[in-house]
Amino acid sequence: LAVIGMLKQREASLNSGASELGDEISKANALVDSLKGKVSHLEGKLEVSEAQHAKASADLDQAQLVINRQTSDITSHENTISVLEAKVAKLLGELEDGAKSRG
């Protein structure tokens, strides 16, 4: 009879431990679910950040193309100015020569 009492006491103790373990598992599962939600949220933020980075990179590439075109245009204008300056200098020289020969 004492053995049966000890076994029943042991069974009650195991049932209590099992119940506590079940509570701890439930808490752990709730924590895992919470962490999964946080990870999903951070993944969403990362995707947005990556998209913003890709757009910024594309914008910078486009700006570089515009700068390159404008630099080319400036070089072309500088070359045109140099040619015109040379023509002006030649014409002034011719005018001075003509004035000297008439003068």
N, C-alpha and C. Protein backbone atom coordinates (compact mmCIF):
# COMPACT_ATOMS: atom_id res chain seq x y z
N LEU A 1 0.84 -1.19 0.00
CA LEU A 1 0.00 0.00 0.00
C LEU A 1 0.88 1.25 0.00
N ALA A 2 1.96 1.22 0.73
CA ALA A 2 2.88 2.35 0.76
C ALA A 2 3.51 2.57 -0.61
N VAL A 3 3.77 1.50 -1.31
CA VAL A 3 4.37 1.59 -2.65
C VAL A 3 3.39 2.25 -3.60
N ILE A 4 2.11 1.88 -3.50
CA ILE A 4 1.09 2.49 -4.36
C ILE A 4 0.99 3.98 -4.06
N GLY A 5 1.05 4.34 -2.81
CA GLY A 5 1.00 5.75 -2.42
C GLY A 5 2.20 6.49 -2.98
N MET A 6 3.38 5.88 -2.91
CA MET A 6 4.59 6.52 -3.45
C MET A 6 4.48 6.66 -4.96
N LEU A 7 3.93 5.62 -5.62
CA LEU A 7 3.78 5.67 -7.08
C LEU A 7 2.78 6.75 -7.47
N LYS A 8 1.69 6.88 -6.72
CA LYS A 8 0.70 7.92 -7.01
C LYS A 8 1.31 9.31 -6.78
N GLN A 9 2.12 9.42 -5.72
CA GLN A 9 2.78 10.69 -5.44
C GLN A 9 3.77 11.02 -6.57
N ARG A 10 4.48 9.99 -7.02
CA ARG A 10 5.43 10.16 -8.12
C ARG A 10 4.69 10.56 -9.40
N GLU A 11 3.54 9.91 -9.68
CA GLU A 11 2.73 10.23 -10.84
C GLU A 11 2.24 11.68 -10.78
N ALA A 12 1.79 12.11 -9.62
CA ALA A 12 1.33 13.49 -9.45
C ALA A 12 2.47 14.46 -9.69
N SER A 13 3.65 14.11 -9.19
CA SER A 13 4.83 14.96 -9.37
C SER A 13 5.20 15.05 -10.86
N LEU A 14 5.17 13.92 -11.54
CA LEU A 14 5.48 13.90 -12.98
C LEU A 14 4.43 14.69 -13.77
N ASN A 15 3.15 14.53 -13.39
CA ASN A 15 2.10 15.29 -14.07
C ASN A 15 2.28 16.79 -13.86
N SER A 16 2.66 17.17 -12.66
CA SER A 16 2.91 18.58 -12.37
C SER A 16 4.09 19.10 -13.20
N GLY A 17 5.15 18.28 -13.24
CA GLY A 17 6.32 18.66 -14.04
C GLY A 17 5.98 18.75 -15.51
N ALA A 18 5.16 17.81 -15.98
CA ALA A 18 4.75 17.82 -17.39
C ALA A 18 3.94 19.07 -17.68
N SER A 19 3.08 19.46 -16.74
CA SER A 19 2.27 20.66 -16.92
C SER A 19 3.15 21.91 -16.99
N GLU A 20 4.13 21.97 -16.08
CA GLU A 20 5.06 23.11 -16.09
C GLU A 20 5.86 23.14 -17.39
N LEU A 21 6.30 21.96 -17.83
CA LEU A 21 7.04 21.88 -19.09
C LEU A 21 6.17 22.34 -20.26
N GLY A 22 4.89 21.95 -20.24
CA GLY A 22 3.96 22.39 -21.28
C GLY A 22 3.81 23.90 -21.29
N ASP A 23 3.74 24.50 -20.10
CA ASP A 23 3.66 25.96 -20.01
C ASP A 23 4.91 26.62 -20.59
N GLU A 24 6.06 26.06 -20.26
CA GLU A 24 7.33 26.60 -20.77
C GLU A 24 7.41 26.47 -22.29
N ILE A 25 6.92 25.35 -22.81
CA ILE A 25 6.90 25.15 -24.27
C ILE A 25 5.99 26.17 -24.93
N SER A 26 4.84 26.42 -24.31
CA SER A 26 3.92 27.44 -24.86
C SER A 26 4.57 28.81 -24.88
N LYS A 27 5.26 29.15 -23.79
CA LYS A 27 5.96 30.44 -23.74
C LYS A 27 7.05 30.51 -24.81
N ALA A 28 7.79 29.41 -24.96
CA ALA A 28 8.86 29.37 -25.96
C ALA A 28 8.28 29.51 -27.37
N ASN A 29 7.14 28.84 -27.63
CA ASN A 29 6.49 28.96 -28.94
C ASN A 29 6.01 30.38 -29.20
N ALA A 30 5.48 31.04 -28.17
CA ALA A 30 5.05 32.43 -28.31
C ALA A 30 6.24 33.32 -28.63
N LEU A 31 7.37 33.07 -27.97
CA LEU A 31 8.58 33.84 -28.23
C LEU A 31 9.08 33.61 -29.66
N VAL A 32 9.05 32.36 -30.10
CA VAL A 32 9.46 32.04 -31.48
C VAL A 32 8.56 32.76 -32.47
N ASP A 33 7.25 32.74 -32.24
CA ASP A 33 6.32 33.44 -33.13
C ASP A 33 6.61 34.93 -33.17
N SER A 34 6.89 35.49 -32.00
CA SER A 34 7.21 36.91 -31.92
C SER A 34 8.48 37.21 -32.71
N LEU A 35 9.49 36.37 -32.54
CA LEU A 35 10.76 36.57 -33.25
C LEU A 35 10.58 36.41 -34.76
N LYS A 36 9.73 35.45 -35.17
CA LYS A 36 9.45 35.30 -36.60
C LYS A 36 8.82 36.57 -37.16
N GLY A 37 7.91 37.16 -36.39
CA GLY A 37 7.29 38.41 -36.82
C GLY A 37 8.31 39.53 -36.96
N LYS A 38 9.21 39.61 -35.99
CA LYS A 38 10.25 40.64 -36.05
C LYS A 38 11.18 40.43 -37.23
N VAL A 39 11.54 39.17 -37.48
CA VAL A 39 12.41 38.85 -38.62
C VAL A 39 11.72 39.24 -39.93
N SER A 40 10.43 38.91 -40.05
CA SER A 40 9.69 39.27 -41.26
C SER A 40 9.66 40.78 -41.45
N HIS A 41 9.44 41.49 -40.36
CA HIS A 41 9.42 42.96 -40.41
C HIS A 41 10.77 43.50 -40.89
N LEU A 42 11.85 42.95 -40.33
CA LEU A 42 13.20 43.40 -40.73
C LEU A 42 13.51 43.03 -42.17
N GLU A 43 13.04 41.87 -42.61
CA GLU A 43 13.24 41.48 -44.01
C GLU A 43 12.52 42.45 -44.93
N GLY A 44 11.33 42.88 -44.53
CA GLY A 44 10.60 43.86 -45.32
C GLY A 44 11.36 45.18 -45.41
N LYS A 45 11.90 45.61 -44.27
CA LYS A 45 12.68 46.85 -44.27
C LYS A 45 13.91 46.71 -45.16
N LEU A 46 14.55 45.54 -45.11
CA LEU A 46 15.74 45.30 -45.93
C LEU A 46 15.39 45.36 -47.41
N GLU A 47 14.26 44.77 -47.79
CA GLU A 47 13.84 44.82 -49.19
C GLU A 47 13.61 46.25 -49.64
N VAL A 48 12.96 47.06 -48.79
CA VAL A 48 12.73 48.47 -49.12
C VAL A 48 14.07 49.19 -49.25
N SER A 49 14.98 48.92 -48.32
CA SER A 49 16.29 49.56 -48.34
C SER A 49 17.06 49.19 -49.61
N GLU A 50 16.99 47.90 -49.98
CA GLU A 50 17.69 47.46 -51.20
C GLU A 50 17.08 48.12 -52.43
N ALA A 51 15.76 48.27 -52.45
CA ALA A 51 15.10 48.92 -53.59
C ALA A 51 15.50 50.39 -53.66
N GLN A 52 15.57 51.04 -52.50
CA GLN A 52 15.99 52.45 -52.47
C GLN A 52 17.43 52.58 -52.94
N HIS A 53 18.28 51.65 -52.52
CA HIS A 53 19.68 51.68 -52.94
C HIS A 53 19.78 51.50 -54.46
N ALA A 54 19.02 50.56 -55.00
CA ALA A 54 19.05 50.31 -56.45
C ALA A 54 18.59 51.56 -57.20
N LYS A 55 17.54 52.23 -56.70
CA LYS A 55 17.07 53.45 -57.36
C LYS A 55 18.11 54.56 -57.27
N ALA A 56 18.71 54.72 -56.10
CA ALA A 56 19.73 55.74 -55.94
C ALA A 56 20.91 55.47 -56.86
N SER A 57 21.29 54.22 -56.99
CA SER A 57 22.40 53.84 -57.86
C SER A 57 22.05 54.16 -59.33
N ALA A 58 20.82 53.84 -59.72
CA ALA A 58 20.38 54.14 -61.09
C ALA A 58 20.35 55.65 -61.32
N ASP A 59 19.89 56.41 -60.32
CA ASP A 59 19.87 57.87 -60.43
C ASP A 59 21.28 58.42 -60.58
N LEU A 60 22.22 57.86 -59.82
CA LEU A 60 23.61 58.31 -59.92
C LEU A 60 24.19 57.99 -61.29
N ASP A 61 23.87 56.81 -61.81
CA ASP A 61 24.34 56.44 -63.15
C ASP A 61 23.78 57.41 -64.19
N GLN A 62 22.51 57.75 -64.06
CA GLN A 62 21.88 58.69 -64.99
C GLN A 62 22.53 60.07 -64.88
N ALA A 63 22.78 60.50 -63.65
CA ALA A 63 23.43 61.80 -63.44
C ALA A 63 24.83 61.81 -64.06
N GLN A 64 25.55 60.69 -63.94
CA GLN A 64 26.88 60.61 -64.53
C GLN A 64 26.82 60.72 -66.05
N LEU A 65 25.80 60.11 -66.65
CA LEU A 65 25.63 60.23 -68.10
C LEU A 65 25.38 61.69 -68.51
N VAL A 66 24.54 62.38 -67.73
CA VAL A 66 24.26 63.80 -68.01
C VAL A 66 25.53 64.62 -67.88
N ILE A 67 26.30 64.36 -66.81
CA ILE A 67 27.56 65.09 -66.60
C ILE A 67 28.52 64.83 -67.76
N ASN A 68 28.61 63.58 -68.18
CA ASN A 68 29.51 63.24 -69.30
C ASN A 68 29.09 63.97 -70.57
N ARG A 69 27.77 64.01 -70.83
CA ARG A 69 27.28 64.70 -72.03
C ARG A 69 27.57 66.20 -71.93
N GLN A 70 27.32 66.78 -70.77
CA GLN A 70 27.57 68.21 -70.60
C GLN A 70 29.06 68.53 -70.71
N THR A 71 29.90 67.65 -70.19
CA THR A 71 31.35 67.86 -70.30
C THR A 71 31.77 67.82 -71.77
N SER A 72 31.19 66.89 -72.51
CA SER A 72 31.48 66.79 -73.94
C SER A 72 31.01 68.06 -74.67
N ASP A 73 29.82 68.54 -74.31
CA ASP A 73 29.29 69.77 -74.92
C ASP A 73 30.20 70.96 -74.61
N ILE A 74 30.66 71.05 -73.36
CA ILE A 74 31.55 72.16 -72.97
C ILE A 74 32.85 72.09 -73.76
N THR A 75 33.41 70.90 -73.90
CA THR A 75 34.65 70.74 -74.67
C THR A 75 34.44 71.16 -76.12
N SER A 76 33.30 70.77 -76.67
CA SER A 76 32.98 71.15 -78.05
C SER A 76 32.86 72.67 -78.17
N HIS A 77 32.19 73.30 -77.19
CA HIS A 77 32.05 74.76 -77.22
C HIS A 77 33.41 75.44 -77.06
N GLU A 78 34.24 74.89 -76.19
CA GLU A 78 35.59 75.47 -76.01
C GLU A 78 36.38 75.38 -77.31
N ASN A 79 36.26 74.26 -78.02
CA ASN A 79 36.96 74.11 -79.30
C ASN A 79 36.43 75.11 -80.32
N THR A 80 35.12 75.29 -80.34
CA THR A 80 34.52 76.26 -81.26
C THR A 80 35.01 77.67 -80.93
N ILE A 81 35.06 78.00 -79.65
CA ILE A 81 35.55 79.32 -79.22
C ILE A 81 36.99 79.51 -79.66
N SER A 82 37.82 78.48 -79.49
CA SER A 82 39.23 78.58 -79.90
C SER A 82 39.35 78.84 -81.40
N VAL A 83 38.54 78.12 -82.18
CA VAL A 83 38.55 78.33 -83.64
C VAL A 83 38.12 79.75 -83.98
N LEU A 84 37.05 80.23 -83.32
CA LEU A 84 36.56 81.59 -83.59
C LEU A 84 37.58 82.63 -83.15
N GLU A 85 38.23 82.40 -82.02
CA GLU A 85 39.26 83.33 -81.56
C GLU A 85 40.40 83.40 -82.57
N ALA A 86 40.77 82.27 -83.12
CA ALA A 86 41.84 82.24 -84.13
C ALA A 86 41.41 83.01 -85.37
N LYS A 87 40.15 82.82 -85.79
CA LYS A 87 39.64 83.54 -86.97
C LYS A 87 39.61 85.04 -86.71
N VAL A 88 39.16 85.43 -85.50
CA VAL A 88 39.12 86.86 -85.14
C VAL A 88 40.53 87.43 -85.16
N ALA A 89 41.48 86.70 -84.58
CA ALA A 89 42.86 87.17 -84.56
C ALA A 89 43.40 87.33 -85.99
N LYS A 90 43.07 86.37 -86.87
CA LYS A 90 43.50 86.44 -88.27
C LYS A 90 42.89 87.65 -88.96
N LEU A 91 41.57 87.85 -88.74
CA LEU A 91 40.89 88.99 -89.37
C LEU A 91 41.45 90.32 -88.85
N LEU A 92 41.71 90.39 -87.55
CA LEU A 92 42.29 91.62 -87.01
C LEU A 92 43.67 91.88 -87.61
N GLY A 93 44.42 90.78 -87.75
CA GLY A 93 45.73 90.91 -88.39
C GLY A 93 45.61 91.41 -89.81
N GLU A 94 44.64 90.87 -90.55
CA GLU A 94 44.43 91.31 -91.93
C GLU A 94 43.98 92.77 -91.97
N LEU A 95 43.12 93.16 -91.02
CA LEU A 95 42.67 94.55 -90.97
C LEU A 95 43.84 95.49 -90.67
N GLU A 96 44.69 95.09 -89.74
CA GLU A 96 45.85 95.92 -89.40
C GLU A 96 46.80 96.01 -90.60
N ASP A 97 47.00 94.89 -91.27
CA ASP A 97 47.86 94.90 -92.47
C ASP A 97 47.27 95.81 -93.54
N GLY A 98 45.95 95.74 -93.73
CA GLY A 98 45.29 96.57 -94.72
C GLY A 98 45.38 98.04 -94.34
N ALA A 99 45.24 98.34 -93.06
CA ALA A 99 45.32 99.73 -92.60
C ALA A 99 46.74 100.26 -92.78
N LYS A 100 47.75 99.45 -92.53
CA LYS A 100 49.15 99.86 -92.68
C LYS A 100 49.48 100.11 -94.16
N SER A 101 48.94 99.22 -95.01
CA SER A 101 49.26 99.38 -96.44
C SER A 101 48.55 100.60 -97.03
N ARG A 102 47.42 101.00 -96.43
CA ARG A 102 46.70 102.18 -96.92
C ARG A 102 47.22 103.44 -96.25
N GLY A 103 47.76 103.24 -95.06
CA GLY A 103 48.14 104.38 -94.27
C GLY A 103 49.44 104.94 -94.61
